[in-house]
Amino acid sequence: MIIIGHRGARAVGPENTLKAIRSGMPCADYVEVDIRLSRDNVPVIMHDALIDRSTNGKGQVRELNLSELQLLDAGEGEQIPTLEEVCWVVQGRCGLFAEVKEPGSEEIVCEILRKRGPDDLYVVSFHHEIIGVVKELVPSAKTGFIFSKAAVPPEEVHDLGADAVLPKFSLVSPGLVRDYHESEIGVFPWTLNTPSDFHAADMYGIDGFATDDPCLARDYVKKAHRV
């Protein structure tokens, strides 16, 4: 059962910061981060297009240069990290799920992941057109297609060239997992934060899941699987 620290480990550190990532790594097999471009085309770690919710600033990520973004407080005195910084932190210690948020940014993101990304790497997105580009530019990476509103048939996922799906947990059922597995597609739902969620997903036969609290999830897996 693979545990993915959602936005690092946002239950125990400010989301998508190096503190959250470092907090998640001891208990997670992978940490997940969200990637957007600054005005000067540097891949930075930020979930929303706006910085208002998760920093003390206002405006769009795309409107600010890296130097301006890194003056902001992303929580508990943490800076907004760059993708390259994240790669250095996880290298040799943890796998990475890199979510590409913006179509058109994938080539710049892939250039960094090709040079600095960890060996154990998934590049994932809600945008199907990104998947094919990633497969071409970072052939060593696995890819994942994210969806939240309706399940995508396995044949469509297969046609995209994705190795896995990342569905919203409410869309997952044992039959859906079985259908994906028959097409050799991994299933990693999000975002599961309670032992009852972990148990339900485990019974569905999933391959792993994203969680805000990787250590709580690790404790469940150790007890449930006696590992």
C-alpha atoms as a PDB file:
ATOM      1  CA  MET A   1       0.000   0.000   0.000  1.00  0.00           C
ATOM      2  CA  ILE A   2       1.671   3.189  -1.211  1.00  0.00           C
ATOM      3  CA  ILE A   3       1.245   6.311   0.908  1.00  0.00           C
ATOM      4  CA  ILE A   4       1.432   9.686  -0.846  1.00  0.00           C
ATOM      5  CA  GLY A   5       1.851  12.811   1.260  1.00  0.00           C
ATOM      6  CA  HIS A   6      -0.690  15.292  -0.137  1.00  0.00           C
ATOM      7  CA  ARG A   7       0.883  18.729  -0.734  1.00  0.00           C
ATOM      8  CA  GLY A   8       3.798  17.381   1.287  1.00  0.00           C
ATOM      9  CA  ALA A   9       1.957  16.683   4.512  1.00  0.00           C
ATOM     10  CA  ARG A  10      -0.449  19.570   4.898  1.00  0.00           C
ATOM     11  CA  ALA A  11      -1.897  18.272   8.178  1.00  0.00           C
ATOM     12  CA  VAL A  12       1.423  18.905   9.945  1.00  0.00           C
ATOM     13  CA  GLY A  13       3.016  21.715   7.926  1.00  0.00           C
ATOM     14  CA  PRO A  14       2.015  24.569   5.613  1.00  0.00           C
ATOM     15  CA  GLU A  15       0.938  22.961   2.347  1.00  0.00           C
ATOM     16  CA  ASN A  16       3.439  22.696  -0.485  1.00  0.00           C
ATOM     17  CA  THR A  17       6.329  24.027   1.604  1.00  0.00           C
ATOM     18  CA  LEU A  18       9.651  22.362   2.296  1.00  0.00           C
ATOM     19  CA  LYS A  19       8.579  22.002   5.934  1.00  0.00           C
ATOM     20  CA  ALA A  20       5.501  20.012   4.919  1.00  0.00           C
ATOM     21  CA  ILE A  21       7.546  17.912   2.509  1.00  0.00           C
ATOM     22  CA  ARG A  22      10.200  17.138   5.110  1.00  0.00           C
ATOM     23  CA  SER A  23       7.456  16.298   7.622  1.00  0.00           C
ATOM     24  CA  GLY A  24       5.808  13.902   5.183  1.00  0.00           C
ATOM     25  CA  MET A  25       8.865  12.054   3.942  1.00  0.00           C
ATOM     26  CA  PRO A  26       9.562   9.899   7.029  1.00  0.00           C
ATOM     27  CA  CYS A  27       6.131   8.243   6.744  1.00  0.00           C
ATOM     28  CA  ALA A  28       5.310   8.562   3.028  1.00  0.00           C
ATOM     29  CA  ASP A  29       6.519   6.547   0.056  1.00  0.00           C
ATOM     30  CA  TYR A  30       5.977   9.632  -2.097  1.00  0.00           C
ATOM     31  CA  VAL A  31       5.199  13.274  -1.491  1.00  0.00           C
ATOM     32  CA  GLU A  32       2.922  15.159  -3.876  1.00  0.00           C
ATOM     33  CA  VAL A  33       3.356  18.794  -4.901  1.00  0.00           C
ATOM     34  CA  ASP A  34       1.532  21.177  -7.249  1.00  0.00           C
ATOM     35  CA  ILE A  35       3.503  23.082  -9.870  1.00  0.00           C
ATOM     36  CA  ARG A  36       2.843  26.454 -11.501  1.00  0.00           C
ATOM     37  CA  LEU A  37       5.064  28.945 -13.323  1.00  0.00           C
ATOM     38  CA  SER A  38       6.117  32.316 -12.009  1.00  0.00           C
ATOM     39  CA  ARG A  39       6.127  35.356 -14.292  1.00  0.00           C
ATOM     40  CA  ASP A  40       9.781  34.635 -15.118  1.00  0.00           C
ATOM     41  CA  ASN A  41       8.881  31.009 -15.969  1.00  0.00           C
ATOM     42  CA  VAL A  42      10.332  29.314 -12.906  1.00  0.00           C
ATOM     43  CA  PRO A  43       8.341  26.243 -11.757  1.00  0.00           C
ATOM     44  CA  VAL A  44       7.203  26.919  -8.197  1.00  0.00           C
ATOM     45  CA  ILE A  45       5.152  24.899  -5.753  1.00  0.00           C
ATOM     46  CA  MET A  46       1.658  26.335  -5.340  1.00  0.00           C
ATOM     47  CA  HIS A  47      -1.773  24.727  -5.567  1.00  0.00           C
ATOM     48  CA  ASP A  48      -3.969  27.699  -6.406  1.00  0.00           C
ATOM     49  CA  ALA A  49      -3.558  30.095  -9.296  1.00  0.00           C
ATOM     50  CA  LEU A  50      -3.989  32.841  -6.689  1.00  0.00           C
ATOM     51  CA  ILE A  51      -1.567  33.210  -3.794  1.00  0.00           C
ATOM     52  CA  ASP A  52      -4.223  34.731  -1.509  1.00  0.00           C
ATOM     53  CA  ARG A  53      -5.285  31.602   0.400  1.00  0.00           C
ATOM     54  CA  SER A  54      -1.929  30.069   1.261  1.00  0.00           C
ATOM     55  CA  THR A  55       0.367  33.095   1.610  1.00  0.00           C
ATOM     56  CA  ASN A  56       0.268  36.596   3.050  1.00  0.00           C
ATOM     57  CA  GLY A  57       0.208  38.060  -0.464  1.00  0.00           C
ATOM     58  CA  LYS A  58      -2.439  38.711  -3.071  1.00  0.00           C
ATOM     59  CA  GLY A  59      -2.653  38.142  -6.800  1.00  0.00           C
ATOM     60  CA  GLN A  60      -1.793  35.430  -9.284  1.00  0.00           C
ATOM     61  CA  VAL A  61       1.328  33.303  -9.232  1.00  0.00           C
ATOM     62  CA  ARG A  62       1.782  34.156 -12.908  1.00  0.00           C
ATOM     63  CA  GLU A  63       1.914  37.888 -12.122  1.00  0.00           C
ATOM     64  CA  LEU A  64       4.966  37.692  -9.848  1.00  0.00           C
ATOM     65  CA  ASN A  65       8.621  36.859 -10.452  1.00  0.00           C
ATOM     66  CA  LEU A  66      10.300  34.219  -8.335  1.00  0.00           C
ATOM     67  CA  SER A  67      12.101  36.850  -6.281  1.00  0.00           C
ATOM     68  CA  GLU A  68       8.764  38.468  -5.421  1.00  0.00           C
ATOM     69  CA  LEU A  69       7.080  35.156  -4.612  1.00  0.00           C
ATOM     70  CA  GLN A  70       9.865  34.146  -2.265  1.00  0.00           C
ATOM     71  CA  LEU A  71       9.407  37.295  -0.191  1.00  0.00           C
ATOM     72  CA  LEU A  72       5.991  35.997   0.850  1.00  0.00           C
ATOM     73  CA  ASP A  73       5.181  33.956   3.941  1.00  0.00           C
ATOM     74  CA  ALA A  74       3.652  30.642   2.883  1.00  0.00           C
ATOM     75  CA  GLY A  75       2.907  29.749   6.517  1.00  0.00           C
ATOM     76  CA  GLU A  76       5.036  29.504   9.656  1.00  0.00           C
ATOM     77  CA  GLY A  77       7.725  31.605   8.004  1.00  0.00           C
ATOM     78  CA  GLU A  78       8.128  29.200   5.086  1.00  0.00           C
ATOM     79  CA  GLN A  79       8.883  30.399   1.548  1.00  0.00           C
ATOM     80  CA  ILE A  80       7.226  29.207  -1.631  1.00  0.00           C
ATOM     81  CA  PRO A  81       9.733  26.608  -2.862  1.00  0.00           C
ATOM     82  CA  THR A  82      10.824  25.971  -6.421  1.00  0.00           C
ATOM     83  CA  LEU A  83      10.451  22.582  -8.089  1.00  0.00           C
ATOM     84  CA  GLU A  84      14.222  22.312  -8.222  1.00  0.00           C
ATOM     85  CA  GLU A  85      14.460  22.795  -4.455  1.00  0.00           C
ATOM     86  CA  VAL A  86      11.882  20.055  -3.926  1.00  0.00           C
ATOM     87  CA  CYS A  87      13.847  17.691  -6.159  1.00  0.00           C
ATOM     88  CA  TRP A  88      16.997  18.252  -4.103  1.00  0.00           C
ATOM     89  CA  VAL A  89      15.110  17.626  -0.849  1.00  0.00           C
ATOM     90  CA  VAL A  90      13.463  14.343  -1.912  1.00  0.00           C
ATOM     91  CA  GLN A  91      16.373  12.968  -3.950  1.00  0.00           C
ATOM     92  CA  GLY A  92      17.345   9.538  -2.597  1.00  0.00           C
ATOM     93  CA  ARG A  93      14.910   9.837   0.313  1.00  0.00           C
ATOM     94  CA  CYS A  94      11.379   9.724  -1.097  1.00  0.00           C
ATOM     95  CA  GLY A  95       9.479   9.399  -4.355  1.00  0.00           C
ATOM     96  CA  LEU A  96       7.673  12.358  -5.918  1.00  0.00           C
ATOM     97  CA  PHE A  97       4.231  12.896  -7.432  1.00  0.00           C
ATOM     98  CA  ALA A  98       4.597  16.118  -9.449  1.00  0.00           C
ATOM     99  CA  GLU A  99       1.253  17.602 -10.469  1.00  0.00           C
ATOM    100  CA  VAL A 100       1.423  19.929 -13.466  1.00  0.00           C
ATOM    101  CA  LYS A 101      -1.383  22.430 -12.959  1.00  0.00           C
ATOM    102  CA  GLU A 102      -1.122  24.508 -16.146  1.00  0.00           C
ATOM    103  CA  PRO A 103      -1.188  23.349 -19.779  1.00  0.00           C
ATOM    104  CA  GLY A 104       1.714  24.941 -21.578  1.00  0.00           C
ATOM    105  CA  SER A 105       4.053  24.693 -18.592  1.00  0.00           C
ATOM    106  CA  GLU A 106       4.921  21.037 -19.061  1.00  0.00           C
ATOM    107  CA  GLU A 107       8.040  21.498 -21.184  1.00  0.00           C
ATOM    108  CA  ILE A 108       9.705  23.758 -18.605  1.00  0.00           C
ATOM    109  CA  VAL A 109       8.625  21.455 -15.776  1.00  0.00           C
ATOM    110  CA  CYS A 110       9.867  18.382 -17.622  1.00  0.00           C
ATOM    111  CA  GLU A 111      13.262  19.961 -18.251  1.00  0.00           C
ATOM    112  CA  ILE A 112      13.837  20.233 -14.508  1.00  0.00           C
ATOM    113  CA  LEU A 113      12.404  16.795 -13.758  1.00  0.00           C
ATOM    114  CA  ARG A 114      14.579  15.219 -16.414  1.00  0.00           C
ATOM    115  CA  LYS A 115      17.708  16.766 -14.883  1.00  0.00           C
ATOM    116  CA  ARG A 116      16.888  16.816 -11.171  1.00  0.00           C
ATOM    117  CA  GLY A 117      13.867  14.595 -10.569  1.00  0.00           C
ATOM    118  CA  PRO A 118      14.125  11.530  -8.325  1.00  0.00           C
ATOM    119  CA  ASP A 119      14.299   8.078  -9.874  1.00  0.00           C
ATOM    120  CA  ASP A 120      10.914   7.240  -8.361  1.00  0.00           C
ATOM    121  CA  LEU A 121       8.746   9.799 -10.142  1.00  0.00           C
ATOM    122  CA  TYR A 122       5.140  10.194 -11.235  1.00  0.00           C
ATOM    123  CA  VAL A 123       4.093  13.234 -13.271  1.00  0.00           C
ATOM    124  CA  VAL A 124       0.337  13.711 -13.006  1.00  0.00           C
ATOM    125  CA  SER A 125      -2.292  16.160 -14.203  1.00  0.00           C
ATOM    126  CA  PHE A 126      -5.989  16.852 -14.685  1.00  0.00           C
ATOM    127  CA  HIS A 127      -5.110  17.860 -18.268  1.00  0.00           C
ATOM    128  CA  HIS A 128      -4.948  14.915 -20.649  1.00  0.00           C
ATOM    129  CA  GLU A 129      -2.815  16.767 -23.212  1.00  0.00           C
ATOM    130  CA  ILE A 130       0.006  17.018 -20.696  1.00  0.00           C
ATOM    131  CA  ILE A 131       0.345  13.245 -20.310  1.00  0.00           C
ATOM    132  CA  GLY A 132       1.628  12.586 -23.824  1.00  0.00           C
ATOM    133  CA  VAL A 133       4.167  15.411 -23.628  1.00  0.00           C
ATOM    134  CA  VAL A 134       5.527  14.064 -20.353  1.00  0.00           C
ATOM    135  CA  LYS A 135       5.866  10.549 -21.768  1.00  0.00           C
ATOM    136  CA  GLU A 136       7.950  11.970 -24.590  1.00  0.00           C
ATOM    137  CA  LEU A 137      10.113  14.367 -22.585  1.00  0.00           C
ATOM    138  CA  VAL A 138      10.664  12.308 -19.414  1.00  0.00           C
ATOM    139  CA  PRO A 139      10.341   8.699 -20.588  1.00  0.00           C
ATOM    140  CA  SER A 140      11.649   7.343 -17.287  1.00  0.00           C
ATOM    141  CA  ALA A 141       8.734   8.892 -15.369  1.00  0.00           C
ATOM    142  CA  LYS A 142       5.402   7.232 -14.787  1.00  0.00           C
ATOM    143  CA  THR A 143       2.302   9.287 -15.520  1.00  0.00           C
ATOM    144  CA  GLY A 144      -1.077   9.659 -13.888  1.00  0.00           C
ATOM    145  CA  PHE A 145      -4.399  11.161 -14.928  1.00  0.00           C
ATOM    146  CA  ILE A 146      -6.403  12.940 -12.205  1.00  0.00           C
ATOM    147  CA  PHE A 147     -10.181  13.254 -12.232  1.00  0.00           C
ATOM    148  CA  SER A 148     -12.800  14.465  -9.794  1.00  0.00           C
ATOM    149  CA  LYS A 149     -16.217  14.608 -11.499  1.00  0.00           C
ATOM    150  CA  ALA A 150     -16.724  11.357 -13.412  1.00  0.00           C
ATOM    151  CA  ALA A 151     -14.773   8.141 -13.727  1.00  0.00           C
ATOM    152  CA  VAL A 152     -12.764   7.842 -16.920  1.00  0.00           C
ATOM    153  CA  PRO A 153     -13.044   4.452 -18.672  1.00  0.00           C
ATOM    154  CA  PRO A 154      -9.861   2.358 -18.599  1.00  0.00           C
ATOM    155  CA  GLU A 155      -9.620   2.327 -22.390  1.00  0.00           C
ATOM    156  CA  GLU A 156      -9.492   6.139 -22.442  1.00  0.00           C
ATOM    157  CA  VAL A 157      -6.802   6.180 -19.767  1.00  0.00           C
ATOM    158  CA  HIS A 158      -4.872   3.585 -21.731  1.00  0.00           C
ATOM    159  CA  ASP A 159      -5.150   5.688 -24.896  1.00  0.00           C
ATOM    160  CA  LEU A 160      -3.704   8.673 -23.011  1.00  0.00           C
ATOM    161  CA  GLY A 161      -0.678   6.576 -22.148  1.00  0.00           C
ATOM    162  CA  ALA A 162      -1.176   7.063 -18.408  1.00  0.00           C
ATOM    163  CA  ASP A 163       0.217   4.470 -16.019  1.00  0.00           C
ATOM    164  CA  ALA A 164      -2.209   5.340 -13.214  1.00  0.00           C
ATOM    165  CA  VAL A 165      -5.363   7.206 -12.311  1.00  0.00           C
ATOM    166  CA  LEU A 166      -5.819   9.519  -9.338  1.00  0.00           C
ATOM    167  CA  PRO A 167      -9.585   9.708  -8.771  1.00  0.00           C
ATOM    168  CA  LYS A 168     -11.476  11.581  -6.099  1.00  0.00           C
ATOM    169  CA  PHE A 169     -12.162   8.921  -3.488  1.00  0.00           C
ATOM    170  CA  SER A 170     -15.961   9.253  -3.727  1.00  0.00           C
ATOM    171  CA  LEU A 171     -15.762   7.956  -7.323  1.00  0.00           C
ATOM    172  CA  VAL A 172     -13.927   4.753  -6.411  1.00  0.00           C
ATOM    173  CA  SER A 173     -15.576   1.341  -6.144  1.00  0.00           C
ATOM    174  CA  PRO A 174     -14.241  -2.215  -6.092  1.00  0.00           C
ATOM    175  CA  GLY A 175     -15.513  -2.735  -9.645  1.00  0.00           C
ATOM    176  CA  LEU A 176     -13.768   0.374 -10.905  1.00  0.00           C
ATOM    177  CA  VAL A 177     -10.492  -0.674  -9.305  1.00  0.00           C
ATOM    178  CA  ARG A 178     -10.841  -4.121 -10.840  1.00  0.00           C
ATOM    179  CA  ASP A 179     -11.451  -2.658 -14.299  1.00  0.00           C
ATOM    180  CA  TYR A 180      -8.358  -0.451 -14.081  1.00  0.00           C
ATOM    181  CA  HIS A 181      -6.220  -3.294 -12.813  1.00  0.00           C
ATOM    182  CA  GLU A 182      -7.338  -5.496 -15.696  1.00  0.00           C
ATOM    183  CA  SER A 183      -5.883  -2.791 -17.964  1.00  0.00           C
ATOM    184  CA  GLU A 184      -2.695  -2.657 -15.829  1.00  0.00           C
ATOM    185  CA  ILE A 185      -3.518   0.856 -14.578  1.00  0.00           C
ATOM    186  CA  GLY A 186      -2.669   1.781 -10.991  1.00  0.00           C
ATOM    187  CA  VAL A 187      -5.273   3.433  -8.747  1.00  0.00           C
ATOM    188  CA  PHE A 188      -4.329   6.147  -6.221  1.00  0.00           C
ATOM    189  CA  PRO A 189      -7.389   8.000  -4.862  1.00  0.00           C
ATOM    190  CA  TRP A 190      -7.338  11.274  -2.928  1.00  0.00           C
ATOM    191  CA  THR A 191      -7.604  12.657  -0.278  1.00  0.00           C
ATOM    192  CA  LEU A 192      -8.015  10.107   2.553  1.00  0.00           C
ATOM    193  CA  ASN A 193      -7.514  11.322   6.131  1.00  0.00           C
ATOM    194  CA  THR A 194      -9.222   8.931   8.545  1.00  0.00           C
ATOM    195  CA  PRO A 195      -8.677   5.281   9.490  1.00  0.00           C
ATOM    196  CA  SER A 196     -12.165   4.471   8.205  1.00  0.00           C
ATOM    197  CA  ASP A 197     -11.237   5.936   4.799  1.00  0.00           C
ATOM    198  CA  PHE A 198      -7.964   4.016   4.785  1.00  0.00           C
ATOM    199  CA  HIS A 199      -9.786   0.781   5.581  1.00  0.00           C
ATOM    200  CA  ALA A 200     -12.480   1.293   2.937  1.00  0.00           C
ATOM    201  CA  ALA A 201      -9.901   2.041   0.253  1.00  0.00           C
ATOM    202  CA  ASP A 202      -7.840  -0.953   1.349  1.00  0.00           C
ATOM    203  CA  MET A 203     -10.861  -3.196   0.926  1.00  0.00           C
ATOM    204  CA  TYR A 204     -11.360  -1.824  -2.594  1.00  0.00           C
ATOM    205  CA  GLY A 205      -7.934  -3.140  -3.569  1.00  0.00           C
ATOM    206  CA  ILE A 206      -6.338   0.202  -4.427  1.00  0.00           C
ATOM    207  CA  ASP A 207      -2.591   0.532  -4.947  1.00  0.00           C
ATOM    208  CA  GLY A 208      -2.170   3.499  -2.617  1.00  0.00           C
ATOM    209  CA  PHE A 209      -3.691   6.822  -1.673  1.00  0.00           C
ATOM    210  CA  ALA A 210      -2.948  10.480  -1.045  1.00  0.00           C
ATOM    211  CA  THR A 211      -3.345  11.776   2.495  1.00  0.00           C
ATOM    212  CA  ASP A 212      -2.706  15.002   4.395  1.00  0.00           C
ATOM    213  CA  ASP A 213      -1.311  12.982   7.320  1.00  0.00           C
ATOM    214  CA  PRO A 214       1.154  10.337   6.082  1.00  0.00           C
ATOM    215  CA  CYS A 215       2.154   9.218   9.587  1.00  0.00           C
ATOM    216  CA  LEU A 216      -1.458   8.482  10.552  1.00  0.00           C
ATOM    217  CA  ALA A 217      -1.760   6.502   7.317  1.00  0.00           C
ATOM    218  CA  ARG A 218       1.509   4.665   7.967  1.00  0.00           C
ATOM    219  CA  ASP A 219       0.276   3.661  11.390  1.00  0.00           C
ATOM    220  CA  TYR A 220      -2.881   2.199   9.803  1.00  0.00           C
ATOM    221  CA  VAL A 221      -0.914   0.267   7.177  1.00  0.00           C
ATOM    222  CA  LYS A 222       1.465  -1.187   9.775  1.00  0.00           C
ATOM    223  CA  LYS A 223      -1.425  -2.404  11.899  1.00  0.00           C
ATOM    224  CA  ALA A 224      -3.642  -3.606   9.046  1.00  0.00           C
ATOM    225  CA  HIS A 225      -0.885  -5.366   7.124  1.00  0.00           C
ATOM    226  CA  ARG A 226       1.410  -6.161  10.032  1.00  0.00           C
ATOM    227  CA  VAL A 227       4.434  -4.651   8.342  1.00  0.00           C
END
